[in-house]
């Protein structure tokens, strides 16, 4: 769940260190598989 900020941290450090000039930072989540919903529900984190 912290992947977005971890990606920004990597890009941020790349730019500060001079490893690259600029950065495209992207993140995405699409719910396409019902099995994933079942697994998260079984984990106990989804609202009933």
ModelCIF file with pLDDT and N, C-alpha, C, O atoms, coordinates in Angstrom:
data_MODEL
#
_entry.id   MODEL 
#
_entity.id                         1 
_entity.type                       polymer 
_entity.pdbx_number_of_molecules   1 
#
_entity_poly.entity_id                      1 
_entity_poly.type                           'polypeptide(L)' 
_entity_poly.nstd_linkage                   no 
_entity_poly.nstd_monomer                   no 
_entity_poly.pdbx_seq_one_letter_code       
;(UNK)(UNK)(UNK)(UNK)(UNK)(UNK)(UNK)(UNK)(UNK)(UNK)(UNK)(UNK)(UNK)(UNK)(UNK)(UNK)
(UNK)(UNK)(UNK)(UNK)(UNK)(UNK)(UNK)(UNK)(UNK)(UNK)(UNK)(UNK)(UNK)(UNK)(UNK)(UNK)
(UNK)(UNK)(UNK)(UNK)(UNK)(UNK)(UNK)(UNK)(UNK)(UNK)(UNK)(UNK)(UNK)(UNK)(UNK)(UNK)
;
_entity_poly.pdbx_seq_one_letter_code_can   XXXXXXXXXXXXXXXXXXXXXXXXXXXXXXXXXXXXXXXXXXXXXXXX 
_entity_poly.pdbx_strand_id                 A 
#
loop_
_entity_poly_seq.entity_id 
_entity_poly_seq.num 
_entity_poly_seq.mon_id 
_entity_poly_seq.hetero 
1 1  UNK n 
1 2  UNK n 
1 3  UNK n 
1 4  UNK n 
1 5  UNK n 
1 6  UNK n 
1 7  UNK n 
1 8  UNK n 
1 9  UNK n 
1 10 UNK n 
1 11 UNK n 
1 12 UNK n 
1 13 UNK n 
1 14 UNK n 
1 15 UNK n 
1 16 UNK n 
1 17 UNK n 
1 18 UNK n 
1 19 UNK n 
1 20 UNK n 
1 21 UNK n 
1 22 UNK n 
1 23 UNK n 
1 24 UNK n 
1 25 UNK n 
1 26 UNK n 
1 27 UNK n 
1 28 UNK n 
1 29 UNK n 
1 30 UNK n 
1 31 UNK n 
1 32 UNK n 
1 33 UNK n 
1 34 UNK n 
1 35 UNK n 
1 36 UNK n 
1 37 UNK n 
1 38 UNK n 
1 39 UNK n 
1 40 UNK n 
1 41 UNK n 
1 42 UNK n 
1 43 UNK n 
1 44 UNK n 
1 45 UNK n 
1 46 UNK n 
1 47 UNK n 
1 48 UNK n 
#
_struct_asym.id          A 
_struct_asym.entity_id   1 
#
loop_
_ma_qa_metric.id 
_ma_qa_metric.mode 
_ma_qa_metric.name 
_ma_qa_metric.software_group_id 
_ma_qa_metric.type 
1 global pLDDT . pLDDT 
2 local  pLDDT . pLDDT 
#
_ma_qa_metric_global.metric_id      1 
_ma_qa_metric_global.metric_value   93.56 
_ma_qa_metric_global.model_id       1 
_ma_qa_metric_global.ordinal_id     1 
#
loop_
_ma_qa_metric_local.label_asym_id 
_ma_qa_metric_local.label_comp_id 
_ma_qa_metric_local.label_seq_id 
_ma_qa_metric_local.metric_id 
_ma_qa_metric_local.metric_value 
_ma_qa_metric_local.model_id 
_ma_qa_metric_local.ordinal_id 
A UNK 1  2 95.00 1 1  
A UNK 2  2 96.00 1 2  
A UNK 3  2 96.00 1 3  
A UNK 4  2 96.00 1 4  
A UNK 5  2 97.00 1 5  
A UNK 6  2 97.00 1 6  
A UNK 7  2 97.00 1 7  
A UNK 8  2 98.00 1 8  
A UNK 9  2 97.00 1 9  
A UNK 10 2 97.00 1 10 
A UNK 11 2 97.00 1 11 
A UNK 12 2 97.00 1 12 
A UNK 13 2 96.00 1 13 
A UNK 14 2 96.00 1 14 
A UNK 15 2 96.00 1 15 
A UNK 16 2 94.00 1 16 
A UNK 17 2 95.00 1 17 
A UNK 18 2 94.00 1 18 
A UNK 19 2 95.00 1 19 
A UNK 20 2 94.00 1 20 
A UNK 21 2 92.00 1 21 
A UNK 22 2 96.00 1 22 
A UNK 23 2 97.00 1 23 
A UNK 24 2 98.00 1 24 
A UNK 25 2 97.00 1 25 
A UNK 26 2 97.00 1 26 
A UNK 27 2 96.00 1 27 
A UNK 28 2 94.00 1 28 
A UNK 29 2 94.00 1 29 
A UNK 30 2 92.00 1 30 
A UNK 31 2 91.00 1 31 
A UNK 32 2 88.00 1 32 
A UNK 33 2 85.00 1 33 
A UNK 34 2 86.00 1 34 
A UNK 35 2 87.00 1 35 
A UNK 36 2 88.00 1 36 
A UNK 37 2 89.00 1 37 
A UNK 38 2 92.00 1 38 
A UNK 39 2 91.00 1 39 
A UNK 40 2 90.00 1 40 
A UNK 41 2 91.00 1 41 
A UNK 42 2 90.00 1 42 
A UNK 43 2 90.00 1 43 
A UNK 44 2 90.00 1 44 
A UNK 45 2 92.00 1 45 
A UNK 46 2 94.00 1 46 
A UNK 47 2 93.00 1 47 
A UNK 48 2 91.00 1 48 
#
loop_
_atom_site.group_PDB 
_atom_site.id 
_atom_site.type_symbol 
_atom_site.label_atom_id 
_atom_site.label_alt_id 
_atom_site.label_comp_id 
_atom_site.label_asym_id 
_atom_site.label_entity_id 
_atom_site.label_seq_id 
_atom_site.pdbx_PDB_ins_code 
_atom_site.Cartn_x 
_atom_site.Cartn_y 
_atom_site.Cartn_z 
_atom_site.occupancy 
_atom_site.B_iso_or_equiv 
_atom_site.pdbx_formal_charge 
_atom_site.auth_seq_id 
_atom_site.auth_comp_id 
_atom_site.auth_asym_id 
_atom_site.auth_atom_id 
_atom_site.pdbx_PDB_model_num 
ATOM 1   N N  . UNK A 1 1  ? 0.803   -1.228  0.000   1.00 95.00 ? 1  UNK A N  1 
ATOM 2   C CA . UNK A 1 1  ? 0.000   0.000   0.000   1.00 95.00 ? 1  UNK A CA 1 
ATOM 3   C C  . UNK A 1 1  ? 0.828   1.266   0.000   1.00 95.00 ? 1  UNK A C  1 
ATOM 4   O O  . UNK A 1 1  ? 0.290   2.335   -0.289  1.00 95.00 ? 1  UNK A O  1 
ATOM 5   N N  . UNK A 1 2  ? 2.107   1.199   0.309   1.00 96.00 ? 2  UNK A N  1 
ATOM 6   C CA . UNK A 1 2  ? 2.965   2.380   0.296   1.00 96.00 ? 2  UNK A CA 1 
ATOM 7   C C  . UNK A 1 2  ? 3.787   2.483   -0.989  1.00 96.00 ? 2  UNK A C  1 
ATOM 8   O O  . UNK A 1 2  ? 4.745   3.253   -1.045  1.00 96.00 ? 2  UNK A O  1 
ATOM 9   N N  . UNK A 1 3  ? 3.429   1.726   -2.008  1.00 96.00 ? 3  UNK A N  1 
ATOM 10  C CA . UNK A 1 3  ? 4.215   1.682   -3.248  1.00 96.00 ? 3  UNK A CA 1 
ATOM 11  C C  . UNK A 1 3  ? 4.343   3.047   -3.907  1.00 96.00 ? 3  UNK A C  1 
ATOM 12  O O  . UNK A 1 3  ? 5.395   3.366   -4.461  1.00 96.00 ? 3  UNK A O  1 
ATOM 13  N N  . UNK A 1 4  ? 3.279   3.866   -3.855  1.00 96.00 ? 4  UNK A N  1 
ATOM 14  C CA . UNK A 1 4  ? 3.326   5.184   -4.495  1.00 96.00 ? 4  UNK A CA 1 
ATOM 15  C C  . UNK A 1 4  ? 4.437   6.043   -3.907  1.00 96.00 ? 4  UNK A C  1 
ATOM 16  O O  . UNK A 1 4  ? 5.260   6.597   -4.635  1.00 96.00 ? 4  UNK A O  1 
ATOM 17  N N  . UNK A 1 5  ? 4.451   6.148   -2.578  1.00 97.00 ? 5  UNK A N  1 
ATOM 18  C CA . UNK A 1 5  ? 5.456   6.994   -1.944  1.00 97.00 ? 5  UNK A CA 1 
ATOM 19  C C  . UNK A 1 5  ? 6.852   6.381   -2.037  1.00 97.00 ? 5  UNK A C  1 
ATOM 20  O O  . UNK A 1 5  ? 7.843   7.108   -2.104  1.00 97.00 ? 5  UNK A O  1 
ATOM 21  N N  . UNK A 1 6  ? 6.938   5.065   -2.041  1.00 97.00 ? 6  UNK A N  1 
ATOM 22  C CA . UNK A 1 6  ? 8.239   4.432   -2.249  1.00 97.00 ? 6  UNK A CA 1 
ATOM 23  C C  . UNK A 1 6  ? 8.774   4.759   -3.645  1.00 97.00 ? 6  UNK A C  1 
ATOM 24  O O  . UNK A 1 6  ? 9.970   4.999   -3.810  1.00 97.00 ? 6  UNK A O  1 
ATOM 25  N N  . UNK A 1 7  ? 7.896   4.770   -4.645  1.00 97.00 ? 7  UNK A N  1 
ATOM 26  C CA . UNK A 1 7  ? 8.310   5.119   -6.009  1.00 97.00 ? 7  UNK A CA 1 
ATOM 27  C C  . UNK A 1 7  ? 8.764   6.578   -6.072  1.00 97.00 ? 7  UNK A C  1 
ATOM 28  O O  . UNK A 1 7  ? 9.755   6.896   -6.729  1.00 97.00 ? 7  UNK A O  1 
ATOM 29  N N  . UNK A 1 8  ? 8.040   7.457   -5.388  1.00 98.00 ? 8  UNK A N  1 
ATOM 30  C CA . UNK A 1 8  ? 8.432   8.865   -5.358  1.00 98.00 ? 8  UNK A CA 1 
ATOM 31  C C  . UNK A 1 8  ? 9.781   9.028   -4.668  1.00 98.00 ? 8  UNK A C  1 
ATOM 32  O O  . UNK A 1 8  ? 10.609  9.827   -5.106  1.00 98.00 ? 8  UNK A O  1 
ATOM 33  N N  . UNK A 1 9  ? 10.007  8.277   -3.594  1.00 97.00 ? 9  UNK A N  1 
ATOM 34  C CA . UNK A 1 9  ? 11.285  8.358   -2.873  1.00 97.00 ? 9  UNK A CA 1 
ATOM 35  C C  . UNK A 1 9  ? 12.443  7.948   -3.769  1.00 97.00 ? 9  UNK A C  1 
ATOM 36  O O  . UNK A 1 9  ? 13.499  8.580   -3.755  1.00 97.00 ? 9  UNK A O  1 
ATOM 37  N N  . UNK A 1 10 ? 12.244  6.887   -4.549  1.00 97.00 ? 10 UNK A N  1 
ATOM 38  C CA . UNK A 1 10 ? 13.299  6.442   -5.469  1.00 97.00 ? 10 UNK A CA 1 
ATOM 39  C C  . UNK A 1 10 ? 13.588  7.526   -6.498  1.00 97.00 ? 10 UNK A C  1 
ATOM 40  O O  . UNK A 1 10 ? 14.746  7.862   -6.741  1.00 97.00 ? 10 UNK A O  1 
ATOM 41  N N  . UNK A 1 11 ? 12.532  8.076   -7.105  1.00 97.00 ? 11 UNK A N  1 
ATOM 42  C CA . UNK A 1 11 ? 12.712  9.123   -8.114  1.00 97.00 ? 11 UNK A CA 1 
ATOM 43  C C  . UNK A 1 11 ? 13.328  10.379  -7.507  1.00 97.00 ? 11 UNK A C  1 
ATOM 44  O O  . UNK A 1 11 ? 14.202  11.000  -8.112  1.00 97.00 ? 11 UNK A O  1 
ATOM 45  N N  . UNK A 1 12 ? 12.875  10.749  -6.322  1.00 97.00 ? 12 UNK A N  1 
ATOM 46  C CA . UNK A 1 12 ? 13.380  11.930  -5.620  1.00 97.00 ? 12 UNK A CA 1 
ATOM 47  C C  . UNK A 1 12 ? 14.884  11.815  -5.401  1.00 97.00 ? 12 UNK A C  1 
ATOM 48  O O  . UNK A 1 12 ? 15.629  12.764  -5.647  1.00 97.00 ? 12 UNK A O  1 
ATOM 49  N N  . UNK A 1 13 ? 15.325  10.655  -4.939  1.00 96.00 ? 13 UNK A N  1 
ATOM 50  C CA . UNK A 1 13 ? 16.751  10.438  -4.684  1.00 96.00 ? 13 UNK A CA 1 
ATOM 51  C C  . UNK A 1 13 ? 17.558  10.358  -5.976  1.00 96.00 ? 13 UNK A C  1 
ATOM 52  O O  . UNK A 1 13 ? 18.710  10.791  -6.011  1.00 96.00 ? 13 UNK A O  1 
ATOM 53  N N  . UNK A 1 14 ? 16.967  9.806   -7.039  1.00 96.00 ? 14 UNK A N  1 
ATOM 54  C CA . UNK A 1 14 ? 17.642  9.795   -8.338  1.00 96.00 ? 14 UNK A CA 1 
ATOM 55  C C  . UNK A 1 14 ? 17.957  11.218  -8.786  1.00 96.00 ? 14 UNK A C  1 
ATOM 56  O O  . UNK A 1 14 ? 19.066  11.504  -9.236  1.00 96.00 ? 14 UNK A O  1 
ATOM 57  N N  . UNK A 1 15 ? 16.982  12.098  -8.661  1.00 96.00 ? 15 UNK A N  1 
ATOM 58  C CA . UNK A 1 15 ? 17.155  13.478  -9.129  1.00 96.00 ? 15 UNK A CA 1 
ATOM 59  C C  . UNK A 1 15 ? 18.161  14.221  -8.251  1.00 96.00 ? 15 UNK A C  1 
ATOM 60  O O  . UNK A 1 15 ? 19.039  14.914  -8.764  1.00 96.00 ? 15 UNK A O  1 
ATOM 61  N N  . UNK A 1 16 ? 18.036  14.080  -6.929  1.00 94.00 ? 16 UNK A N  1 
ATOM 62  C CA . UNK A 1 16 ? 18.959  14.771  -6.030  1.00 94.00 ? 16 UNK A CA 1 
ATOM 63  C C  . UNK A 1 16 ? 20.402  14.310  -6.218  1.00 94.00 ? 16 UNK A C  1 
ATOM 64  O O  . UNK A 1 16 ? 21.331  15.110  -6.104  1.00 94.00 ? 16 UNK A O  1 
ATOM 65  N N  . UNK A 1 17 ? 20.592  13.032  -6.502  1.00 95.00 ? 17 UNK A N  1 
ATOM 66  C CA . UNK A 1 17 ? 21.946  12.491  -6.658  1.00 95.00 ? 17 UNK A CA 1 
ATOM 67  C C  . UNK A 1 17 ? 22.529  12.770  -8.035  1.00 95.00 ? 17 UNK A C  1 
ATOM 68  O O  . UNK A 1 17 ? 23.717  12.542  -8.260  1.00 95.00 ? 17 UNK A O  1 
ATOM 69  N N  . UNK A 1 18 ? 21.714  13.258  -8.954  1.00 94.00 ? 18 UNK A N  1 
ATOM 70  C CA . UNK A 1 18 ? 22.186  13.520  -10.306 1.00 94.00 ? 18 UNK A CA 1 
ATOM 71  C C  . UNK A 1 18 ? 22.132  12.320  -11.220 1.00 94.00 ? 18 UNK A C  1 
ATOM 72  O O  . UNK A 1 18 ? 22.622  12.375  -12.349 1.00 94.00 ? 18 UNK A O  1 
ATOM 73  N N  . UNK A 1 19 ? 21.543  11.234  -10.750 1.00 95.00 ? 19 UNK A N  1 
ATOM 74  C CA . UNK A 1 19 ? 21.483  10.027  -11.576 1.00 95.00 ? 19 UNK A CA 1 
ATOM 75  C C  . UNK A 1 19 ? 20.560  10.217  -12.775 1.00 95.00 ? 19 UNK A C  1 
ATOM 76  O O  . UNK A 1 19 ? 20.766  9.609   -13.825 1.00 95.00 ? 19 UNK A O  1 
ATOM 77  N N  . UNK A 1 20 ? 19.544  11.063  -12.616 1.00 94.00 ? 20 UNK A N  1 
ATOM 78  C CA . UNK A 1 20 ? 18.681  11.400  -13.755 1.00 94.00 ? 20 UNK A CA 1 
ATOM 79  C C  . UNK A 1 20 ? 18.233  12.846  -13.613 1.00 94.00 ? 20 UNK A C  1 
ATOM 80  O O  . UNK A 1 20 ? 18.365  13.445  -12.546 1.00 94.00 ? 20 UNK A O  1 
ATOM 81  N N  . UNK A 1 21 ? 17.706  13.397  -14.690 1.00 92.00 ? 21 UNK A N  1 
ATOM 82  C CA . UNK A 1 21 ? 17.335  14.808  -14.709 1.00 92.00 ? 21 UNK A CA 1 
ATOM 83  C C  . UNK A 1 21 ? 15.926  15.032  -14.158 1.00 92.00 ? 21 UNK A C  1 
ATOM 84  O O  . UNK A 1 21 ? 15.693  15.947  -13.368 1.00 92.00 ? 21 UNK A O  1 
ATOM 85  N N  . UNK A 1 22 ? 15.002  14.192  -14.585 1.00 96.00 ? 22 UNK A N  1 
ATOM 86  C CA . UNK A 1 22 ? 13.603  14.301  -14.189 1.00 96.00 ? 22 UNK A CA 1 
ATOM 87  C C  . UNK A 1 22 ? 13.048  12.886  -14.080 1.00 96.00 ? 22 UNK A C  1 
ATOM 88  O O  . UNK A 1 22 ? 13.750  11.916  -14.365 1.00 96.00 ? 22 UNK A O  1 
ATOM 89  N N  . UNK A 1 23 ? 11.786  12.768  -13.666 1.00 97.00 ? 23 UNK A N  1 
ATOM 90  C CA . UNK A 1 23 ? 11.232  11.424  -13.479 1.00 97.00 ? 23 UNK A CA 1 
ATOM 91  C C  . UNK A 1 23 ? 9.729   11.414  -13.705 1.00 97.00 ? 23 UNK A C  1 
ATOM 92  O O  . UNK A 1 23 ? 9.014   12.344  -13.331 1.00 97.00 ? 23 UNK A O  1 
ATOM 93  N N  . UNK A 1 24 ? 9.278   10.342  -14.324 1.00 98.00 ? 24 UNK A N  1 
ATOM 94  C CA . UNK A 1 24 ? 7.854   10.041  -14.405 1.00 98.00 ? 24 UNK A CA 1 
ATOM 95  C C  . UNK A 1 24 ? 7.561   9.026   -13.306 1.00 98.00 ? 24 UNK A C  1 
ATOM 96  O O  . UNK A 1 24 ? 8.131   7.935   -13.294 1.00 98.00 ? 24 UNK A O  1 
ATOM 97  N N  . UNK A 1 25 ? 6.676   9.385   -12.390 1.00 97.00 ? 25 UNK A N  1 
ATOM 98  C CA . UNK A 1 25 ? 6.307   8.495   -11.292 1.00 97.00 ? 25 UNK A CA 1 
ATOM 99  C C  . UNK A 1 25 ? 4.824   8.155   -11.446 1.00 97.00 ? 25 UNK A C  1 
ATOM 100 O O  . UNK A 1 25 ? 3.976   9.047   -11.479 1.00 97.00 ? 25 UNK A O  1 
ATOM 101 N N  . UNK A 1 26 ? 4.525   6.879   -11.537 1.00 97.00 ? 26 UNK A N  1 
ATOM 102 C CA . UNK A 1 26 ? 3.150   6.450   -11.787 1.00 97.00 ? 26 UNK A CA 1 
ATOM 103 C C  . UNK A 1 26 ? 2.761   5.351   -10.810 1.00 97.00 ? 26 UNK A C  1 
ATOM 104 O O  . UNK A 1 26 ? 3.612   4.664   -10.245 1.00 97.00 ? 26 UNK A O  1 
ATOM 105 N N  . UNK A 1 27 ? 1.463   5.204   -10.627 1.00 96.00 ? 27 UNK A N  1 
ATOM 106 C CA . UNK A 1 27 ? 0.942   4.121   -9.783  1.00 96.00 ? 27 UNK A CA 1 
ATOM 107 C C  . UNK A 1 27 ? -0.468  3.802   -10.241 1.00 96.00 ? 27 UNK A C  1 
ATOM 108 O O  . UNK A 1 27 ? -1.192  4.675   -10.719 1.00 96.00 ? 27 UNK A O  1 
ATOM 109 N N  . UNK A 1 28 ? -0.853  2.536   -10.089 1.00 94.00 ? 28 UNK A N  1 
ATOM 110 C CA . UNK A 1 28 ? -2.188  2.158   -10.540 1.00 94.00 ? 28 UNK A CA 1 
ATOM 111 C C  . UNK A 1 28 ? -2.727  0.953   -9.801  1.00 94.00 ? 28 UNK A C  1 
ATOM 112 O O  . UNK A 1 28 ? -1.982  0.132   -9.266  1.00 94.00 ? 28 UNK A O  1 
ATOM 113 N N  . UNK A 1 29 ? -4.050  0.875   -9.787  1.00 94.00 ? 29 UNK A N  1 
ATOM 114 C CA . UNK A 1 29 ? -4.722  -0.285  -9.201  1.00 94.00 ? 29 UNK A CA 1 
ATOM 115 C C  . UNK A 1 29 ? -6.064  -0.464  -9.898  1.00 94.00 ? 29 UNK A C  1 
ATOM 116 O O  . UNK A 1 29 ? -6.914  0.425   -9.851  1.00 94.00 ? 29 UNK A O  1 
ATOM 117 N N  . UNK A 1 30 ? -6.256  -1.597  -10.537 1.00 92.00 ? 30 UNK A N  1 
ATOM 118 C CA . UNK A 1 30 ? -7.534  -1.935  -11.157 1.00 92.00 ? 30 UNK A CA 1 
ATOM 119 C C  . UNK A 1 30 ? -8.040  -3.244  -10.549 1.00 92.00 ? 30 UNK A C  1 
ATOM 120 O O  . UNK A 1 30 ? -7.297  -4.222  -10.464 1.00 92.00 ? 30 UNK A O  1 
ATOM 121 N N  . UNK A 1 31 ? -9.294  -3.257  -10.132 1.00 91.00 ? 31 UNK A N  1 
ATOM 122 C CA . UNK A 1 31 ? -9.898  -4.451  -9.512  1.00 91.00 ? 31 UNK A CA 1 
ATOM 123 C C  . UNK A 1 31 ? -10.591 -5.275  -10.600 1.00 91.00 ? 31 UNK A C  1 
ATOM 124 O O  . UNK A 1 31 ? -11.760 -5.045  -10.911 1.00 91.00 ? 31 UNK A O  1 
ATOM 125 N N  . UNK A 1 32 ? -9.872  -6.221  -11.165 1.00 88.00 ? 32 UNK A N  1 
ATOM 126 C CA . UNK A 1 32 ? -10.375 -6.986  -12.307 1.00 88.00 ? 32 UNK A CA 1 
ATOM 127 C C  . UNK A 1 32 ? -10.678 -8.442  -11.972 1.00 88.00 ? 32 UNK A C  1 
ATOM 128 O O  . UNK A 1 32 ? -11.260 -9.154  -12.790 1.00 88.00 ? 32 UNK A O  1 
ATOM 129 N N  . UNK A 1 33 ? -10.296 -8.891  -10.789 1.00 85.00 ? 33 UNK A N  1 
ATOM 130 C CA . UNK A 1 33 ? -10.425 -10.299 -10.456 1.00 85.00 ? 33 UNK A CA 1 
ATOM 131 C C  . UNK A 1 33 ? -11.138 -10.447 -9.106  1.00 85.00 ? 33 UNK A C  1 
ATOM 132 O O  . UNK A 1 33 ? -10.640 -9.974  -8.084  1.00 85.00 ? 33 UNK A O  1 
ATOM 133 N N  . UNK A 1 34 ? -12.284 -11.091 -9.105  1.00 86.00 ? 34 UNK A N  1 
ATOM 134 C CA . UNK A 1 34 ? -13.069 -11.235 -7.877  1.00 86.00 ? 34 UNK A CA 1 
ATOM 135 C C  . UNK A 1 34 ? -12.341 -12.037 -6.809  1.00 86.00 ? 34 UNK A C  1 
ATOM 136 O O  . UNK A 1 34 ? -12.589 -11.857 -5.616  1.00 86.00 ? 34 UNK A O  1 
ATOM 137 N N  . UNK A 1 35 ? -11.447 -12.918 -7.231  1.00 87.00 ? 35 UNK A N  1 
ATOM 138 C CA . UNK A 1 35 ? -10.703 -13.720 -6.260  1.00 87.00 ? 35 UNK A CA 1 
ATOM 139 C C  . UNK A 1 35 ? -9.879  -12.828 -5.324  1.00 87.00 ? 35 UNK A C  1 
ATOM 140 O O  . UNK A 1 35 ? -9.707  -13.147 -4.148  1.00 87.00 ? 35 UNK A O  1 
ATOM 141 N N  . UNK A 1 36 ? -9.379  -11.722 -5.848  1.00 88.00 ? 36 UNK A N  1 
ATOM 142 C CA . UNK A 1 36 ? -8.608  -10.807 -5.014  1.00 88.00 ? 36 UNK A CA 1 
ATOM 143 C C  . UNK A 1 36 ? -9.476  -10.217 -3.910  1.00 88.00 ? 36 UNK A C  1 
ATOM 144 O O  . UNK A 1 36 ? -9.030  -10.088 -2.770  1.00 88.00 ? 36 UNK A O  1 
ATOM 145 N N  . UNK A 1 37 ? -10.710 -9.861  -4.243  1.00 89.00 ? 37 UNK A N  1 
ATOM 146 C CA . UNK A 1 37 ? -11.625 -9.335  -3.220  1.00 89.00 ? 37 UNK A CA 1 
ATOM 147 C C  . UNK A 1 37 ? -11.865 -10.364 -2.120  1.00 89.00 ? 37 UNK A C  1 
ATOM 148 O O  . UNK A 1 37 ? -11.903 -10.024 -0.938  1.00 89.00 ? 37 UNK A O  1 
ATOM 149 N N  . UNK A 1 38 ? -12.028 -11.621 -2.520  1.00 92.00 ? 38 UNK A N  1 
ATOM 150 C CA . UNK A 1 38 ? -12.256 -12.693 -1.547  1.00 92.00 ? 38 UNK A CA 1 
ATOM 151 C C  . UNK A 1 38 ? -11.047 -12.837 -0.625  1.00 92.00 ? 38 UNK A C  1 
ATOM 152 O O  . UNK A 1 38 ? -11.199 -13.008 0.584   1.00 92.00 ? 38 UNK A O  1 
ATOM 153 N N  . UNK A 1 39 ? -9.853  -12.767 -1.199  1.00 91.00 ? 39 UNK A N  1 
ATOM 154 C CA . UNK A 1 39 ? -8.643  -12.929 -0.395  1.00 91.00 ? 39 UNK A CA 1 
ATOM 155 C C  . UNK A 1 39 ? -8.497  -11.784 0.617   1.00 91.00 ? 39 UNK A C  1 
ATOM 156 O O  . UNK A 1 39 ? -8.136  -12.021 1.770   1.00 91.00 ? 39 UNK A O  1 
ATOM 157 N N  . UNK A 1 40 ? -8.774  -10.557 0.195   1.00 90.00 ? 40 UNK A N  1 
ATOM 158 C CA . UNK A 1 40 ? -8.685  -9.427  1.121   1.00 90.00 ? 40 UNK A CA 1 
ATOM 159 C C  . UNK A 1 40 ? -9.757  -9.523  2.209   1.00 90.00 ? 40 UNK A C  1 
ATOM 160 O O  . UNK A 1 40 ? -9.521  -9.151  3.358   1.00 90.00 ? 40 UNK A O  1 
ATOM 161 N N  . UNK A 1 41 ? -10.926 -10.022 1.836   1.00 91.00 ? 41 UNK A N  1 
ATOM 162 C CA . UNK A 1 41 ? -11.994 -10.175 2.825   1.00 91.00 ? 41 UNK A CA 1 
ATOM 163 C C  . UNK A 1 41 ? -11.594 -11.213 3.879   1.00 91.00 ? 41 UNK A C  1 
ATOM 164 O O  . UNK A 1 41 ? -11.821 -11.027 5.075   1.00 91.00 ? 41 UNK A O  1 
ATOM 165 N N  . UNK A 1 42 ? -10.994 -12.310 3.407   1.00 90.00 ? 42 UNK A N  1 
ATOM 166 C CA . UNK A 1 42 ? -10.542 -13.344 4.334   1.00 90.00 ? 42 UNK A CA 1 
ATOM 167 C C  . UNK A 1 42 ? -9.419  -12.844 5.237   1.00 90.00 ? 42 UNK A C  1 
ATOM 168 O O  . UNK A 1 42 ? -9.251  -13.328 6.357   1.00 90.00 ? 42 UNK A O  1 
ATOM 169 N N  . UNK A 1 43 ? -8.658  -11.882 4.749   1.00 90.00 ? 43 UNK A N  1 
ATOM 170 C CA . UNK A 1 43 ? -7.592  -11.288 5.556   1.00 90.00 ? 43 UNK A CA 1 
ATOM 171 C C  . UNK A 1 43 ? -8.167  -10.444 6.687   1.00 90.00 ? 43 UNK A C  1 
ATOM 172 O O  . UNK A 1 43 ? -7.479  -10.148 7.663   1.00 90.00 ? 43 UNK A O  1 
ATOM 173 N N  . UNK A 1 44 ? -9.441  -10.057 6.549   1.00 90.00 ? 44 UNK A N  1 
ATOM 174 C CA . UNK A 1 44 ? -10.119 -9.321  7.605   1.00 90.00 ? 44 UNK A CA 1 
ATOM 175 C C  . UNK A 1 44 ? -9.981  -7.817  7.531   1.00 90.00 ? 44 UNK A C  1 
ATOM 176 O O  . UNK A 1 44 ? -10.180 -7.128  8.531   1.00 90.00 ? 44 UNK A O  1 
ATOM 177 N N  . UNK A 1 45 ? -9.634  -7.284  6.337   1.00 92.00 ? 45 UNK A N  1 
ATOM 178 C CA . UNK A 1 45 ? -9.423  -5.840  6.235   1.00 92.00 ? 45 UNK A CA 1 
ATOM 179 C C  . UNK A 1 45 ? -10.540 -5.125  5.478   1.00 92.00 ? 45 UNK A C  1 
ATOM 180 O O  . UNK A 1 45 ? -10.581 -3.894  5.474   1.00 92.00 ? 45 UNK A O  1 
ATOM 181 N N  . UNK A 1 46 ? -11.443 -5.860  4.839   1.00 94.00 ? 46 UNK A N  1 
ATOM 182 C CA . UNK A 1 46 ? -12.512 -5.223  4.070   1.00 94.00 ? 46 UNK A CA 1 
ATOM 183 C C  . UNK A 1 46 ? -13.738 -4.984  4.939   1.00 94.00 ? 46 UNK A C  1 
ATOM 184 O O  . UNK A 1 46 ? -14.064 -5.783  5.817   1.00 94.00 ? 46 UNK A O  1 
ATOM 185 N N  . UNK A 1 47 ? -14.409 -3.868  4.674   1.00 93.00 ? 47 UNK A N  1 
ATOM 186 C CA . UNK A 1 47 ? -15.599 -3.508  5.427   1.00 93.00 ? 47 UNK A CA 1 
ATOM 187 C C  . UNK A 1 47 ? -16.780 -4.375  4.997   1.00 93.00 ? 47 UNK A C  1 
ATOM 188 O O  . UNK A 1 47 ? -17.025 -4.540  3.802   1.00 93.00 ? 47 UNK A O  1 
ATOM 189 N N  . UNK A 1 48 ? -17.502 -4.920  5.950   1.00 91.00 ? 48 UNK A N  1 
ATOM 190 C CA . UNK A 1 48 ? -18.685 -5.730  5.646   1.00 91.00 ? 48 UNK A CA 1 
ATOM 191 C C  . UNK A 1 48 ? -19.886 -4.863  5.284   1.00 91.00 ? 48 UNK A C  1 
ATOM 192 O O  . UNK A 1 48 ? -20.963 -5.387  5.000   1.00 91.00 ? 48 UNK A O  1 
#
